[in-house]
Amino acid sequence: MSMKPNFNPSLTLRGGNTEVAAGGPLGWTDPGRRCTIEVTITQRLDSGEVVARGESEEYVSPAPTWDAVARIDHPDRFLRPGPATAWGKVRVSGGPAPQPDEWMNTIELR
C-alpha cells in the first residue's frame, strides 16, 4: 500500500447533527499517487443505529490530509456527541493497479 490514511480522533457534527465533517492524515509512502476515501460513521444509540456516509474528493501525493462530509441515511435520525465507529476505504491510483484498503477506528463526535 502506497499510503496509510487515518481518522482524526475527534470529528465535528454539522447540519443539525445530520452530518459529520470527517477527515484525517494521509500517510503517503510513494510519490505521484492519487486517492479517494469512502467513509461510514456508525453510532449506536438507545433508539437504534445511526449511519452517515460520504466520499472525499481526489487527493494527490503529497497532500497531508483528507476530508469528506458524511450525511445520515435517514432524515428522521440524528447523531449525538459521543463515541462512534468510523470505517474508511481508500482507493489509491497512479501505480500499477488500484489498491483498495479498509480501516476502522473508534472516534468521538463533537
PDB file of N, CA and C in Angstrom:
ATOM      1  N   MET A   1       0.857  -1.176   0.000  1.00  0.00           N
ATOM      2  CA  MET A   1       0.000   0.000   0.000  1.00  0.00           C
ATOM      3  C   MET A   1       0.897   1.230   0.000  1.00  0.00           C
ATOM      4  N   SER A   2       0.603   2.189  -0.848  1.00  0.00           N
ATOM      5  CA  SER A   2       1.445   3.376  -1.003  1.00  0.00           C
ATOM      6  C   SER A   2       1.067   4.505  -0.049  1.00  0.00           C
ATOM      7  N   MET A   3       0.108   4.243   0.838  1.00  0.00           N
ATOM      8  CA  MET A   3      -0.261   5.250   1.836  1.00  0.00           C
ATOM      9  C   MET A   3      -1.104   4.599   2.908  1.00  0.00           C
ATOM     10  N   LYS A   4      -1.150   5.243   4.076  1.00  0.00           N
ATOM     11  CA  LYS A   4      -1.953   4.738   5.188  1.00  0.00           C
ATOM     12  C   LYS A   4      -2.749   5.890   5.784  1.00  0.00           C
ATOM     13  N   PRO A   5      -4.014   6.047   5.371  1.00  0.00           N
ATOM     14  CA  PRO A   5      -4.836   7.128   5.918  1.00  0.00           C
ATOM     15  C   PRO A   5      -5.335   6.766   7.317  1.00  0.00           C
ATOM     16  N   ASN A   6      -5.883   7.756   7.987  1.00  0.00           N
ATOM     17  CA  ASN A   6      -6.452   7.545   9.310  1.00  0.00           C
ATOM     18  C   ASN A   6      -7.536   8.587   9.539  1.00  0.00           C
ATOM     19  N   PHE A   7      -8.319   8.412  10.594  1.00  0.00           N
ATOM     20  CA  PHE A   7      -9.304   9.406  11.012  1.00  0.00           C
ATOM     21  C   PHE A   7      -8.709  10.263  12.115  1.00  0.00           C
ATOM     22  N   ASN A   8      -9.104  11.537  12.168  1.00  0.00           N
ATOM     23  CA  ASN A   8      -8.808  12.336  13.343  1.00  0.00           C
ATOM     24  C   ASN A   8      -9.578  11.718  14.508  1.00  0.00           C
ATOM     25  N   PRO A   9      -9.051  11.778  15.734  1.00  0.00           N
ATOM     26  CA  PRO A   9      -9.727  11.133  16.864  1.00  0.00           C
ATOM     27  C   PRO A   9     -11.060  11.779  17.235  1.00  0.00           C
ATOM     28  N   SER A  10     -11.235  13.043  16.861  1.00  0.00           N
ATOM     29  CA  SER A  10     -12.470  13.773  17.145  1.00  0.00           C
ATOM     30  C   SER A  10     -12.984  14.370  15.832  1.00  0.00           C
ATOM     31  N   LEU A  11     -14.262  14.101  15.521  1.00  0.00           N
ATOM     32  CA  LEU A  11     -14.875  14.619  14.300  1.00  0.00           C
ATOM     33  C   LEU A  11     -16.048  15.517  14.666  1.00  0.00           C
ATOM     34  N   THR A  12     -16.322  16.528  13.838  1.00  0.00           N
ATOM     35  CA  THR A  12     -17.319  17.548  14.142  1.00  0.00           C
ATOM     36  C   THR A  12     -18.677  17.227  13.537  1.00  0.00           C
ATOM     37  N   LEU A  13     -19.715  17.344  14.364  1.00  0.00           N
ATOM     38  CA  LEU A  13     -21.099  17.228  13.888  1.00  0.00           C
ATOM     39  C   LEU A  13     -21.498  18.547  13.243  1.00  0.00           C
ATOM     40  N   ARG A  14     -22.295  18.473  12.164  1.00  0.00           N
ATOM     41  CA  ARG A  14     -22.773  19.666  11.469  1.00  0.00           C
ATOM     42  C   ARG A  14     -24.212  19.439  11.033  1.00  0.00           C
ATOM     43  N   GLY A  15     -24.808  20.471  10.448  1.00  0.00           N
ATOM     44  CA  GLY A  15     -26.130  20.341   9.838  1.00  0.00           C
ATOM     45  C   GLY A  15     -27.201  19.853  10.785  1.00  0.00           C
ATOM     46  N   GLY A  16     -27.212  20.377  12.021  1.00  0.00           N
ATOM     47  CA  GLY A  16     -28.214  19.932  12.985  1.00  0.00           C
ATOM     48  C   GLY A  16     -28.043  18.468  13.363  1.00  0.00           C
ATOM     49  N   ASN A  17     -26.797  18.012  13.447  1.00  0.00           N
ATOM     50  CA  ASN A  17     -26.437  16.633  13.806  1.00  0.00           C
ATOM     51  C   ASN A  17     -26.848  15.610  12.740  1.00  0.00           C
ATOM     52  N   THR A  18     -26.911  16.062  11.470  1.00  0.00           N
ATOM     53  CA  THR A  18     -27.209  15.155  10.359  1.00  0.00           C
ATOM     54  C   THR A  18     -25.980  14.899   9.482  1.00  0.00           C
ATOM     55  N   GLU A  19     -24.867  15.567   9.782  1.00  0.00           N
ATOM     56  CA  GLU A  19     -23.640  15.422   9.002  1.00  0.00           C
ATOM     57  C   GLU A  19     -22.440  15.337   9.937  1.00  0.00           C
ATOM     58  N   VAL A  20     -21.394  14.687   9.438  1.00  0.00           N
ATOM     59  CA  VAL A  20     -20.116  14.614  10.148  1.00  0.00           C
ATOM     60  C   VAL A  20     -19.034  15.136   9.221  1.00  0.00           C
ATOM     61  N   ALA A  21     -18.240  16.081   9.714  1.00  0.00           N
ATOM     62  CA  ALA A  21     -17.062  16.547   8.986  1.00  0.00           C
ATOM     63  C   ALA A  21     -15.937  15.560   9.301  1.00  0.00           C
ATOM     64  N   ALA A  22     -15.764  14.567   8.432  1.00  0.00           N
ATOM     65  CA  ALA A  22     -14.751  13.530   8.634  1.00  0.00           C
ATOM     66  C   ALA A  22     -13.444  13.967   7.999  1.00  0.00           C
ATOM     67  N   GLY A  23     -12.354  13.424   8.490  1.00  0.00           N
ATOM     68  CA  GLY A  23     -11.059  13.731   7.915  1.00  0.00           C
ATOM     69  C   GLY A  23      -9.946  13.159   8.749  1.00  0.00           C
ATOM     70  N   GLY A  24      -8.738  13.324   8.239  1.00  0.00           N
ATOM     71  CA  GLY A  24      -7.573  12.840   8.953  1.00  0.00           C
ATOM     72  C   GLY A  24      -6.328  12.923   8.095  1.00  0.00           C
ATOM     73  N   PRO A  25      -5.237  12.375   8.611  1.00  0.00           N
ATOM     74  CA  PRO A  25      -3.968  12.427   7.883  1.00  0.00           C
ATOM     75  C   PRO A  25      -3.893  11.395   6.763  1.00  0.00           C
ATOM     76  N   LEU A  26      -3.090  11.722   5.768  1.00  0.00           N
ATOM     77  CA  LEU A  26      -2.744  10.797   4.683  1.00  0.00           C
ATOM     78  C   LEU A  26      -1.265  10.455   4.854  1.00  0.00           C
ATOM     79  N   GLY A  27      -0.963   9.223   5.068  1.00  0.00           N
ATOM     80  CA  GLY A  27       0.427   8.802   5.269  1.00  0.00           C
ATOM     81  C   GLY A  27       1.015   8.235   3.992  1.00  0.00           C
ATOM     82  N   TRP A  28       1.394   9.112   3.058  1.00  0.00           N
ATOM     83  CA  TRP A  28       1.924   8.670   1.758  1.00  0.00           C
ATOM     84  C   TRP A  28       3.299   8.034   1.917  1.00  0.00           C
ATOM     85  N   THR A  29       3.563   6.981   1.140  1.00  0.00           N
ATOM     86  CA  THR A  29       4.904   6.405   1.078  1.00  0.00           C
ATOM     87  C   THR A  29       5.469   6.439  -0.338  1.00  0.00           C
ATOM     88  N   ASP A  30       4.614   6.648  -1.336  1.00  0.00           N
ATOM     89  CA  ASP A  30       5.057   6.711  -2.731  1.00  0.00           C
ATOM     90  C   ASP A  30       4.610   8.031  -3.351  1.00  0.00           C
ATOM     91  N   PRO A  31       5.502   8.753  -4.029  1.00  0.00           N
ATOM     92  CA  PRO A  31       5.092   9.993  -4.688  1.00  0.00           C
ATOM     93  C   PRO A  31       4.279   9.706  -5.948  1.00  0.00           C
ATOM     94  N   GLY A  32       3.516  10.693  -6.380  1.00  0.00           N
ATOM     95  CA  GLY A  32       2.803  10.601  -7.644  1.00  0.00           C
ATOM     96  C   GLY A  32       1.534   9.774  -7.616  1.00  0.00           C
ATOM     97  N   ARG A  33       1.053   9.412  -6.449  1.00  0.00           N
ATOM     98  CA  ARG A  33      -0.179   8.636  -6.338  1.00  0.00           C
ATOM     99  C   ARG A  33      -1.368   9.551  -6.075  1.00  0.00           C
ATOM    100  N   ARG A  34      -2.562   9.023  -6.335  1.00  0.00           N
ATOM    101  CA  ARG A  34      -3.821   9.728  -6.074  1.00  0.00           C
ATOM    102  C   ARG A  34      -4.713   8.810  -5.257  1.00  0.00           C
ATOM    103  N   CYS A  35      -5.662   9.406  -4.516  1.00  0.00           N
ATOM    104  CA  CYS A  35      -6.584   8.569  -3.757  1.00  0.00           C
ATOM    105  C   CYS A  35      -7.923   9.264  -3.537  1.00  0.00           C
ATOM    106  N   THR A  36      -8.953   8.468  -3.298  1.00  0.00           N
ATOM    107  CA  THR A  36     -10.241   8.924  -2.785  1.00  0.00           C
ATOM    108  C   THR A  36     -10.559   8.048  -1.577  1.00  0.00           C
ATOM    109  N   ILE A  37     -11.353   8.595  -0.670  1.00  0.00           N
ATOM    110  CA  ILE A  37     -11.683   7.872   0.554  1.00  0.00           C
ATOM    111  C   ILE A  37     -13.192   7.858   0.746  1.00  0.00           C
ATOM    112  N   GLU A  38     -13.722   6.677   0.957  1.00  0.00           N
ATOM    113  CA  GLU A  38     -15.137   6.469   1.269  1.00  0.00           C
ATOM    114  C   GLU A  38     -15.245   6.287   2.782  1.00  0.00           C
ATOM    115  N   VAL A  39     -16.218   6.940   3.423  1.00  0.00           N
ATOM    116  CA  VAL A  39     -16.355   6.853   4.881  1.00  0.00           C
ATOM    117  C   VAL A  39     -17.771   6.454   5.288  1.00  0.00           C
ATOM    118  N   THR A  40     -17.851   5.737   6.391  1.00  0.00           N
ATOM    119  CA  THR A  40     -19.118   5.418   7.041  1.00  0.00           C
ATOM    120  C   THR A  40     -18.930   5.639   8.533  1.00  0.00           C
ATOM    121  N   ILE A  41     -19.780   6.466   9.109  1.00  0.00           N
ATOM    122  CA  ILE A  41     -19.766   6.724  10.548  1.00  0.00           C
ATOM    123  C   ILE A  41     -21.007   6.054  11.124  1.00  0.00           C
ATOM    124  N   THR A  42     -20.828   5.196  12.127  1.00  0.00           N
ATOM    125  CA  THR A  42     -21.936   4.481  12.745  1.00  0.00           C
ATOM    126  C   THR A  42     -21.956   4.785  14.239  1.00  0.00           C
ATOM    127  N   GLN A  43     -23.125   5.174  14.729  1.00  0.00           N
ATOM    128  CA  GLN A  43     -23.281   5.453  16.156  1.00  0.00           C
ATOM    129  C   GLN A  43     -24.467   4.637  16.674  1.00  0.00           C
ATOM    130  N   ARG A  44     -24.210   3.880  17.730  1.00  0.00           N
ATOM    131  CA  ARG A  44     -25.265   3.098  18.364  1.00  0.00           C
ATOM    132  C   ARG A  44     -25.867   3.897  19.503  1.00  0.00           C
ATOM    133  N   LEU A  45     -27.170   4.153  19.398  1.00  0.00           N
ATOM    134  CA  LEU A  45     -27.896   4.923  20.404  1.00  0.00           C
ATOM    135  C   LEU A  45     -29.026   4.066  20.964  1.00  0.00           C
ATOM    136  N   ASP A  46     -29.648   4.521  22.057  1.00  0.00           N
ATOM    137  CA  ASP A  46     -30.784   3.796  22.629  1.00  0.00           C
ATOM    138  C   ASP A  46     -31.892   3.598  21.606  1.00  0.00           C
ATOM    139  N   SER A  47     -32.050   4.557  20.711  1.00  0.00           N
ATOM    140  CA  SER A  47     -33.109   4.498  19.699  1.00  0.00           C
ATOM    141  C   SER A  47     -32.714   3.660  18.475  1.00  0.00           C
ATOM    142  N   GLY A  48     -31.509   3.121  18.462  1.00  0.00           N
ATOM    143  CA  GLY A  48     -31.043   2.311  17.339  1.00  0.00           C
ATOM    144  C   GLY A  48     -29.739   2.837  16.774  1.00  0.00           C
ATOM    145  N   GLU A  49     -29.417   2.362  15.598  1.00  0.00           N
ATOM    146  CA  GLU A  49     -28.162   2.720  14.946  1.00  0.00           C
ATOM    147  C   GLU A  49     -28.375   3.873  13.967  1.00  0.00           C
ATOM    148  N   VAL A  50     -27.462   4.838  13.995  1.00  0.00           N
ATOM    149  CA  VAL A  50     -27.500   5.951  13.047  1.00  0.00           C
ATOM    150  C   VAL A  50     -26.240   5.847  12.187  1.00  0.00           C
ATOM    151  N   VAL A  51     -26.431   5.927  10.870  1.00  0.00           N
ATOM    152  CA  VAL A  51     -25.321   5.762   9.935  1.00  0.00           C
ATOM    153  C   VAL A  51     -25.235   6.985   9.031  1.00  0.00           C
ATOM    154  N   ALA A  52     -24.004   7.483   8.847  1.00  0.00           N
ATOM    155  CA  ALA A  52     -23.733   8.590   7.926  1.00  0.00           C
ATOM    156  C   ALA A  52     -22.657   8.122   6.945  1.00  0.00           C
ATOM    157  N   ARG A  53     -22.824   8.473   5.657  1.00  0.00           N
ATOM    158  CA  ARG A  53     -21.881   8.037   4.626  1.00  0.00           C
ATOM    159  C   ARG A  53     -21.434   9.221   3.763  1.00  0.00           C
ATOM    160  N   GLY A  54     -20.224   9.112   3.253  1.00  0.00           N
ATOM    161  CA  GLY A  54     -19.724  10.150   2.356  1.00  0.00           C
ATOM    162  C   GLY A  54     -18.479   9.689   1.624  1.00  0.00           C
ATOM    163  N   GLU A  55     -18.006  10.542   0.710  1.00  0.00           N
ATOM    164  CA  GLU A  55     -16.795  10.245  -0.051  1.00  0.00           C
ATOM    165  C   GLU A  55     -15.999  11.523  -0.248  1.00  0.00           C
ATOM    166  N   SER A  56     -14.698  11.399  -0.185  1.00  0.00           N
ATOM    167  CA  SER A  56     -13.813  12.558  -0.347  1.00  0.00           C
ATOM    168  C   SER A  56     -13.643  12.900  -1.815  1.00  0.00           C
ATOM    169  N   GLU A  57     -13.048  14.043  -2.059  1.00  0.00           N
ATOM    170  CA  GLU A  57     -12.585  14.371  -3.403  1.00  0.00           C
ATOM    171  C   GLU A  57     -11.299  13.586  -3.638  1.00  0.00           C
ATOM    172  N   GLU A  58     -10.694  13.743  -4.806  1.00  0.00           N
ATOM    173  CA  GLU A  58      -9.430  13.067  -5.084  1.00  0.00           C
ATOM    174  C   GLU A  58      -8.272  13.889  -4.530  1.00  0.00           C
ATOM    175  N   TYR A  59      -7.339  13.206  -3.889  1.00  0.00           N
ATOM    176  CA  TYR A  59      -6.137  13.845  -3.354  1.00  0.00           C
ATOM    177  C   TYR A  59      -4.916  13.287  -4.059  1.00  0.00           C
ATOM    178  N   VAL A  60      -3.905  14.139  -4.232  1.00  0.00           N
ATOM    179  CA  VAL A  60      -2.669  13.755  -4.912  1.00  0.00           C
ATOM    180  C   VAL A  60      -1.520  13.882  -3.920  1.00  0.00           C
ATOM    181  N   SER A  61      -0.650  12.866  -3.908  1.00  0.00           N
ATOM    182  CA  SER A  61       0.539  12.893  -3.064  1.00  0.00           C
ATOM    183  C   SER A  61       1.351  14.135  -3.414  1.00  0.00           C
ATOM    184  N   PRO A  62       1.808  14.919  -2.453  1.00  0.00           N
ATOM    185  CA  PRO A  62       1.950  14.660  -1.030  1.00  0.00           C
ATOM    186  C   PRO A  62       0.909  15.377  -0.148  1.00  0.00           C
ATOM    187  N   ALA A  63      -0.341  15.499  -0.576  1.00  0.00           N
ATOM    188  CA  ALA A  63      -1.368  16.154   0.261  1.00  0.00           C
ATOM    189  C   ALA A  63      -1.317  15.553   1.673  1.00  0.00           C
ATOM    190  N   PRO A  64      -1.256  16.387   2.719  1.00  0.00           N
ATOM    191  CA  PRO A  64      -1.066  15.854   4.071  1.00  0.00           C
ATOM    192  C   PRO A  64      -2.340  15.326   4.730  1.00  0.00           C
ATOM    193  N   THR A  65      -3.519  15.815   4.305  1.00  0.00           N
ATOM    194  CA  THR A  65      -4.761  15.424   4.972  1.00  0.00           C
ATOM    195  C   THR A  65      -5.884  15.231   3.957  1.00  0.00           C
ATOM    196  N   TRP A  66      -6.960  14.598   4.413  1.00  0.00           N
ATOM    197  CA  TRP A  66      -8.161  14.408   3.596  1.00  0.00           C
ATOM    198  C   TRP A  66      -9.361  14.856   4.413  1.00  0.00           C
ATOM    199  N   ASP A  67     -10.479  15.139   3.719  1.00  0.00           N
ATOM    200  CA  ASP A  67     -11.738  15.418   4.404  1.00  0.00           C
ATOM    201  C   ASP A  67     -12.906  15.006   3.515  1.00  0.00           C
ATOM    202  N   ALA A  68     -14.031  14.757   4.165  1.00  0.00           N
ATOM    203  CA  ALA A  68     -15.259  14.367   3.477  1.00  0.00           C
ATOM    204  C   ALA A  68     -16.428  14.679   4.393  1.00  0.00           C
ATOM    205  N   VAL A  69     -17.575  14.947   3.818  1.00  0.00           N
ATOM    206  CA  VAL A  69     -18.790  15.141   4.608  1.00  0.00           C
ATOM    207  C   VAL A  69     -19.600  13.856   4.523  1.00  0.00           C
ATOM    208  N   ALA A  70     -19.901  13.278   5.693  1.00  0.00           N
ATOM    209  CA  ALA A  70     -20.747  12.084   5.760  1.00  0.00           C
ATOM    210  C   ALA A  70     -22.138  12.523   6.204  1.00  0.00           C
ATOM    211  N   ARG A  71     -23.148  12.128   5.432  1.00  0.00           N
ATOM    212  CA  ARG A  71     -24.537  12.519   5.720  1.00  0.00           C
ATOM    213  C   ARG A  71     -25.336  11.297   6.171  1.00  0.00           C
ATOM    214  N   ILE A  72     -26.287  11.514   7.095  1.00  0.00           N
ATOM    215  CA  ILE A  72     -27.077  10.401   7.611  1.00  0.00           C
ATOM    216  C   ILE A  72     -27.947   9.791   6.521  1.00  0.00           C
ATOM    217  N   ASP A  73     -28.239   8.506   6.673  1.00  0.00           N
ATOM    218  CA  ASP A  73     -29.038   7.762   5.698  1.00  0.00           C
ATOM    219  C   ASP A  73     -30.536   8.058   5.813  1.00  0.00           C
ATOM    220  N   HIS A  74     -31.007   8.315   7.034  1.00  0.00           N
ATOM    221  CA  HIS A  74     -32.438   8.532   7.277  1.00  0.00           C
ATOM    222  C   HIS A  74     -32.650   9.904   7.894  1.00  0.00           C
ATOM    223  N   PRO A  75     -33.474  10.754   7.282  1.00  0.00           N
ATOM    224  CA  PRO A  75     -33.640  12.125   7.762  1.00  0.00           C
ATOM    225  C   PRO A  75     -34.352  12.237   9.119  1.00  0.00           C
ATOM    226  N   ASP A  76     -34.945  11.153   9.604  1.00  0.00           N
ATOM    227  CA  ASP A  76     -35.628  11.205  10.897  1.00  0.00           C
ATOM    228  C   ASP A  76     -34.727  10.759  12.052  1.00  0.00           C
ATOM    229  N   ARG A  77     -33.442  10.525  11.774  1.00  0.00           N
ATOM    230  CA  ARG A  77     -32.478  10.112  12.797  1.00  0.00           C
ATOM    231  C   ARG A  77     -31.404  11.182  12.929  1.00  0.00           C
ATOM    232  N   PHE A  78     -30.806  11.261  14.120  1.00  0.00           N
ATOM    233  CA  PHE A  78     -29.786  12.274  14.371  1.00  0.00           C
ATOM    234  C   PHE A  78     -28.623  11.673  15.137  1.00  0.00           C
ATOM    235  N   LEU A  79     -27.421  12.116  14.806  1.00  0.00           N
ATOM    236  CA  LEU A  79     -26.231  11.742  15.550  1.00  0.00           C
ATOM    237  C   LEU A  79     -26.158  12.592  16.815  1.00  0.00           C
ATOM    238  N   ARG A  80     -25.374  12.150  17.780  1.00  0.00           N
ATOM    239  CA  ARG A  80     -25.201  12.891  19.036  1.00  0.00           C
ATOM    240  C   ARG A  80     -23.718  12.982  19.365  1.00  0.00           C
ATOM    241  N   PRO A  81     -23.336  13.983  20.135  1.00  0.00           N
ATOM    242  CA  PRO A  81     -21.953  13.997  20.619  1.00  0.00           C
ATOM    243  C   PRO A  81     -21.687  12.721  21.415  1.00  0.00           C
ATOM    244  N   GLY A  82     -20.525  12.128  21.200  1.00  0.00           N
ATOM    245  CA  GLY A  82     -20.161  10.902  21.903  1.00  0.00           C
ATOM    246  C   GLY A  82     -19.405   9.957  20.996  1.00  0.00           C
ATOM    247  N   PRO A  83     -19.144   8.736  21.474  1.00  0.00           N
ATOM    248  CA  PRO A  83     -18.356   7.790  20.687  1.00  0.00           C
ATOM    249  C   PRO A  83     -19.116   7.253  19.479  1.00  0.00           C
ATOM    250  N   ALA A  84     -18.355   6.911  18.452  1.00  0.00           N
ATOM    251  CA  ALA A  84     -18.909   6.320  17.229  1.00  0.00           C
ATOM    252  C   ALA A  84     -17.804   5.502  16.564  1.00  0.00           C
ATOM    253  N   THR A  85     -18.203   4.672  15.623  1.00  0.00           N
ATOM    254  CA  THR A  85     -17.246   3.884  14.848  1.00  0.00           C
ATOM    255  C   THR A  85     -17.095   4.522  13.475  1.00  0.00           C
ATOM    256  N   ALA A  86     -15.856   4.741  13.075  1.00  0.00           N
ATOM    257  CA  ALA A  86     -15.564   5.318  11.765  1.00  0.00           C
ATOM    258  C   ALA A  86     -14.886   4.246  10.916  1.00  0.00           C
ATOM    259  N   TRP A  87     -15.461   3.966   9.752  1.00  0.00           N
ATOM    260  CA  TRP A  87     -14.908   2.998   8.801  1.00  0.00           C
ATOM    261  C   TRP A  87     -14.481   3.764   7.561  1.00  0.00           C
ATOM    262  N   GLY A  88     -13.325   3.427   7.042  1.00  0.00           N
ATOM    263  CA  GLY A  88     -12.839   4.076   5.837  1.00  0.00           C
ATOM    264  C   GLY A  88     -12.349   3.070   4.815  1.00  0.00           C
ATOM    265  N   LYS A  89     -12.477   3.447   3.554  1.00  0.00           N
ATOM    266  CA  LYS A  89     -11.934   2.639   2.457  1.00  0.00           C
ATOM    267  C   LYS A  89     -11.228   3.593   1.512  1.00  0.00           C
ATOM    268  N   VAL A  90      -9.951   3.384   1.332  1.00  0.00           N
ATOM    269  CA  VAL A  90      -9.167   4.233   0.444  1.00  0.00           C
ATOM    270  C   VAL A  90      -8.926   3.490  -0.859  1.00  0.00           C
ATOM    271  N   ARG A  91      -9.040   4.242  -1.949  1.00  0.00           N
ATOM    272  CA  ARG A  91      -8.707   3.708  -3.272  1.00  0.00           C
ATOM    273  C   ARG A  91      -7.531   4.535  -3.799  1.00  0.00           C
ATOM    274  N   VAL A  92      -6.415   3.869  -3.964  1.00  0.00           N
ATOM    275  CA  VAL A  92      -5.191   4.528  -4.430  1.00  0.00           C
ATOM    276  C   VAL A  92      -5.006   4.209  -5.906  1.00  0.00           C
ATOM    277  N   SER A  93      -4.677   5.227  -6.685  1.00  0.00           N
ATOM    278  CA  SER A  93      -4.397   5.031  -8.105  1.00  0.00           C
ATOM    279  C   SER A  93      -3.106   5.753  -8.460  1.00  0.00           C
ATOM    280  N   GLY A  94      -2.672   5.587  -9.684  1.00  0.00           N
ATOM    281  CA  GLY A  94      -1.430   6.225 -10.122  1.00  0.00           C
ATOM    282  C   GLY A  94      -0.248   5.281 -10.070  1.00  0.00           C
ATOM    283  N   GLY A  95      -0.514   4.004  -9.843  1.00  0.00           N
ATOM    284  CA  GLY A  95       0.547   2.995  -9.816  1.00  0.00           C
ATOM    285  C   GLY A  95       0.176   1.853 -10.746  1.00  0.00           C
ATOM    286  N   PRO A  96       0.750   0.691 -10.517  1.00  0.00           N
ATOM    287  CA  PRO A  96       0.495  -0.438 -11.400  1.00  0.00           C
ATOM    288  C   PRO A  96      -0.965  -0.909 -11.395  1.00  0.00           C
ATOM    289  N   ALA A  97      -1.631  -0.862 -10.255  1.00  0.00           N
ATOM    290  CA  ALA A  97      -3.040  -1.277 -10.174  1.00  0.00           C
ATOM    291  C   ALA A  97      -3.690  -0.554  -8.996  1.00  0.00           C
ATOM    292  N   PRO A  98      -4.967  -0.158  -9.100  1.00  0.00           N
ATOM    293  CA  PRO A  98      -5.646   0.467  -7.963  1.00  0.00           C
ATOM    294  C   PRO A  98      -5.616  -0.466  -6.752  1.00  0.00           C
ATOM    295  N   GLN A  99      -5.386   0.119  -5.588  1.00  0.00           N
ATOM    296  CA  GLN A  99      -5.264  -0.668  -4.371  1.00  0.00           C
ATOM    297  C   GLN A  99      -6.288  -0.218  -3.328  1.00  0.00           C
ATOM    298  N   PRO A 100      -7.404  -0.933  -3.161  1.00  0.00           N
ATOM    299  CA  PRO A 100      -8.327  -0.570  -2.094  1.00  0.00           C
ATOM    300  C   PRO A 100      -7.831  -1.107  -0.752  1.00  0.00           C
ATOM    301  N   ASP A 101      -8.063  -0.381   0.303  1.00  0.00           N
ATOM    302  CA  ASP A 101      -7.683  -0.815   1.644  1.00  0.00           C
ATOM    303  C   ASP A 101      -8.707  -0.242   2.616  1.00  0.00           C
ATOM    304  N   GLU A 102      -9.069  -0.990   3.643  1.00  0.00           N
ATOM    305  CA  GLU A 102     -10.065  -0.569   4.619  1.00  0.00           C
ATOM    306  C   GLU A 102      -9.441  -0.465   6.005  1.00  0.00           C
ATOM    307  N   TRP A 103     -10.021   0.396   6.838  1.00  0.00           N
ATOM    308  CA  TRP A 103      -9.609   0.501   8.226  1.00  0.00           C
ATOM    309  C   TRP A 103     -10.784   0.991   9.061  1.00  0.00           C
ATOM    310  N   MET A 104     -10.672   0.835  10.384  1.00  0.00           N
ATOM    311  CA  MET A 104     -11.740   1.234  11.288  1.00  0.00           C
ATOM    312  C   MET A 104     -11.140   1.813  12.563  1.00  0.00           C
ATOM    313  N   ASN A 105     -11.784   2.866  13.105  1.00  0.00           N
ATOM    314  CA  ASN A 105     -11.357   3.487  14.351  1.00  0.00           C
ATOM    315  C   ASN A 105     -12.584   3.825  15.194  1.00  0.00           C
ATOM    316  N   THR A 106     -12.393   3.862  16.495  1.00  0.00           N
ATOM    317  CA  THR A 106     -13.393   4.471  17.376  1.00  0.00           C
ATOM    318  C   THR A 106     -13.039   5.942  17.474  1.00  0.00           C
ATOM    319  N   ILE A 107     -14.010   6.810  17.222  1.00  0.00           N
ATOM    320  CA  ILE A 107     -13.770   8.261  17.241  1.00  0.00           C
ATOM    321  C   ILE A 107     -14.786   8.908  18.179  1.00  0.00           C
ATOM    322  N   GLU A 108     -14.608  10.180  18.435  1.00  0.00           N
ATOM    323  CA  GLU A 108     -15.516  10.958  19.268  1.00  0.00           C
ATOM    324  C   GLU A 108     -16.199  12.009  18.378  1.00  0.00           C
ATOM    325  N   LEU A 109     -17.523  12.032  18.393  1.00  0.00           N
ATOM    326  CA  LEU A 109     -18.272  13.069  17.680  1.00  0.00           C
ATOM    327  C   LEU A 109     -18.471  14.243  18.616  1.00  0.00           C
ATOM    328  N   ARG A 110     -18.214  15.452  18.113  1.00  0.00           N
ATOM    329  CA  ARG A 110     -18.361  16.670  18.928  1.00  0.00           C
ATOM    330  C   ARG A 110     -19.190  17.688  18.184  1.00  0.00           C
TER     331      ARG A 110
END
